[in-house]
Amino acid sequence: SSIMFSEAEVQSARGAWEKIYGDAEDNGTTVLVRMFTEHPDTKSYFTHFKGMDSAEEMKQSDQVRGHGKRVFTAINDMVQHLDNSEAFLGIVNPLGKKHATQLKIDPKNFRIICDIILQLMEEKFGGDCKASFEKVTNEICTHLNNVYKEEGW
């Protein structure tokens, strides 16, 4: 299925994303720490983070920082290909497959991460920034969920 973004939507989504991606490691870390703090069950997937209770400790963790940056890098790759369905899915599909089959991550966690990213965008850059990126997060989550369905979730 093709991804339906108008040229204007692509441009405004990229503009919104660039703002938060400018500090990928810190912002990626903030997103993960929020997820682990607000949804503690999500920590169980990350063996190194399990014992960490304080947000401060998590923020300092190289593993948390590294994964936060990886999440942001993956989304950045997707954002570069919003105007090319095949390339977009070429990034989303293997990522979904890995999380479904090897890591066995509940797909609801993708929605949680996306919502926290939108929340952070709004806090830092305002409602327009968030609004410009909402459709992108919906596409990412929809396509990841499709991969999970194909893998029998």
Protein backbone atom coordinates (compact mmCIF):
# COMPACT_ATOMS: atom_id res chain seq x y z
CA SER A 1 0.00 0.00 0.00
CA SER A 2 1.36 3.41 -0.84
CA ILE A 3 1.89 6.02 1.81
CA MET A 4 -0.25 9.04 1.23
CA PHE A 5 1.63 12.17 2.11
CA SER A 6 1.23 15.29 0.07
CA GLU A 7 4.39 17.22 -0.75
CA ALA A 8 3.32 19.88 1.78
CA GLU A 9 2.81 17.25 4.49
CA VAL A 10 6.23 15.78 3.79
CA GLN A 11 7.87 19.19 4.08
CA SER A 12 6.13 20.19 7.30
CA ALA A 13 6.72 16.78 8.89
CA ARG A 14 10.42 16.99 8.04
CA GLY A 15 10.62 20.52 9.42
CA ALA A 16 9.01 19.39 12.68
CA TRP A 17 11.21 16.33 12.96
CA GLU A 18 14.45 18.26 12.30
CA LYS A 19 13.79 20.37 15.39
CA ILE A 20 13.69 17.41 17.75
CA TYR A 21 16.27 15.36 15.85
CA GLY A 22 18.78 18.20 16.25
CA ASP A 23 19.43 16.79 19.72
CA ALA A 24 18.77 13.14 18.95
CA GLU A 25 20.59 11.55 21.86
CA ASP A 26 19.16 13.77 24.61
CA ASN A 27 15.66 13.82 23.19
CA GLY A 28 15.74 10.08 22.47
CA THR A 29 16.86 9.47 26.04
CA THR A 30 14.10 11.70 27.43
CA VAL A 31 11.49 9.75 25.44
CA LEU A 32 12.70 6.37 26.70
CA VAL A 33 13.07 7.51 30.31
CA ARG A 34 9.50 8.83 30.20
CA MET A 35 8.28 5.55 28.79
CA PHE A 36 10.08 3.51 31.46
CA THR A 37 8.86 5.83 34.21
CA GLU A 38 5.22 6.13 33.09
CA HIS A 39 4.94 2.52 31.85
CA PRO A 40 7.31 0.53 34.10
CA ASP A 41 6.31 -2.78 32.49
CA THR A 42 8.18 -1.68 29.35
CA LYS A 43 11.46 -1.94 31.28
CA SER A 44 11.11 -5.71 31.41
CA TYR A 45 12.18 -5.94 27.75
CA PHE A 46 15.53 -4.35 28.51
CA THR A 47 17.55 -6.58 30.80
CA HIS A 48 20.11 -3.86 31.59
CA PHE A 49 17.48 -1.32 32.62
CA LYS A 50 15.39 -3.58 34.87
CA GLY A 51 17.11 -2.65 38.11
CA MET A 52 16.99 1.08 37.46
CA ASP A 53 14.25 2.89 39.29
CA SER A 54 15.26 6.52 39.24
CA ALA A 55 14.86 8.62 36.12
CA GLU A 56 18.23 10.21 36.93
CA GLU A 57 19.98 6.85 36.88
CA MET A 58 18.31 5.94 33.59
CA LYS A 59 19.30 9.25 31.99
CA GLN A 60 22.96 8.54 32.79
CA SER A 61 22.87 4.99 31.45
CA ASP A 62 24.87 4.41 28.28
CA GLN A 63 22.42 1.68 27.30
CA VAL A 64 19.41 3.96 27.62
CA ARG A 65 21.21 6.74 25.75
CA GLY A 66 22.34 4.35 23.05
CA HIS A 67 18.89 2.92 22.49
CA GLY A 68 17.28 6.37 22.57
CA LYS A 69 19.62 7.43 19.82
CA ARG A 70 18.88 4.25 17.83
CA VAL A 71 15.13 4.89 18.03
CA PHE A 72 15.61 8.44 16.77
CA THR A 73 17.96 7.32 13.99
CA ALA A 74 15.42 4.76 12.77
CA ILE A 75 12.62 7.33 12.73
CA ASN A 76 14.93 9.76 10.96
CA ASP A 77 15.53 7.18 8.21
CA MET A 78 11.75 6.80 7.83
CA VAL A 79 11.22 10.57 7.71
CA GLN A 80 13.71 10.80 4.84
CA HIS A 81 11.52 8.42 2.83
CA LEU A 82 7.99 9.67 3.42
CA ASP A 83 7.68 10.34 -0.31
CA ASN A 84 8.80 6.83 -1.27
CA SER A 85 6.62 3.99 0.03
CA GLU A 86 9.01 1.26 -1.00
CA ALA A 87 11.99 2.81 0.79
CA PHE A 88 9.85 3.66 3.84
CA LEU A 89 8.60 0.08 4.14
CA GLY A 90 12.13 -1.16 3.51
CA ILE A 91 13.01 0.40 6.87
CA VAL A 92 9.77 -0.29 8.77
CA ASN A 93 9.34 -3.94 7.79
CA PRO A 94 12.65 -5.39 9.02
CA LEU A 95 12.40 -3.28 12.17
CA GLY A 96 8.90 -4.62 12.88
CA LYS A 97 9.97 -8.16 12.08
CA LYS A 98 12.91 -8.00 14.47
CA HIS A 99 10.80 -6.58 17.31
CA ALA A 100 8.03 -9.14 16.69
CA THR A 101 10.08 -12.31 16.24
CA GLN A 102 13.44 -11.87 18.03
CA LEU A 103 12.67 -9.29 20.70
CA LYS A 104 8.96 -10.14 21.14
CA ILE A 105 8.06 -6.57 22.04
CA ASP A 106 4.35 -5.88 22.46
CA PRO A 107 3.38 -3.64 19.52
CA LYS A 108 1.43 -1.29 21.82
CA ASN A 109 4.82 0.04 22.91
CA PHE A 110 5.37 1.65 19.50
CA ARG A 111 2.26 3.76 20.05
CA ILE A 112 3.48 4.68 23.53
CA ILE A 113 6.85 5.85 22.16
CA CYS A 114 5.21 7.80 19.34
CA ASP A 115 2.81 9.53 21.73
CA ILE A 116 5.68 10.54 24.00
CA ILE A 117 7.60 11.93 21.01
CA LEU A 118 4.54 14.00 20.04
CA GLN A 119 4.18 15.20 23.62
CA LEU A 120 7.84 16.26 23.72
CA MET A 121 7.50 18.07 20.38
CA GLU A 122 4.54 20.00 21.73
CA GLU A 123 6.32 20.92 24.96
CA LYS A 124 9.48 22.07 23.22
CA PHE A 125 8.21 23.52 19.95
CA GLY A 126 4.44 23.99 20.27
CA GLY A 127 1.24 22.48 18.92
CA ASP A 128 1.96 23.12 15.23
CA CYS A 129 5.14 21.09 15.43
CA LYS A 130 3.23 18.21 17.01
CA ALA A 131 0.37 18.46 14.51
CA SER A 132 2.80 18.32 11.57
CA PHE A 133 4.19 15.03 12.79
CA GLU A 134 1.07 13.20 13.94
CA LYS A 135 0.33 11.62 10.59
CA VAL A 136 3.87 10.26 10.41
CA THR A 137 3.56 8.53 13.78
CA ASN A 138 0.21 7.06 12.72
CA GLU A 139 1.76 5.64 9.54
CA ILE A 140 4.72 4.19 11.43
CA CYS A 141 2.47 2.50 14.00
CA THR A 142 0.01 1.23 11.38
CA HIS A 143 2.76 -0.34 9.30
CA LEU A 144 4.52 -1.85 12.31
CA ASN A 145 1.20 -3.36 13.41
CA ASN A 146 0.72 -4.81 9.92
CA VAL A 147 4.11 -6.52 10.16
CA TYR A 148 3.08 -7.98 13.53
CA LYS A 149 -0.16 -9.32 12.04
CA GLU A 150 1.83 -10.99 9.26
CA GLU A 151 4.05 -12.56 11.93
CA GLY A 152 0.94 -13.98 13.62
CA TRP A 153 0.55 -11.66 16.62
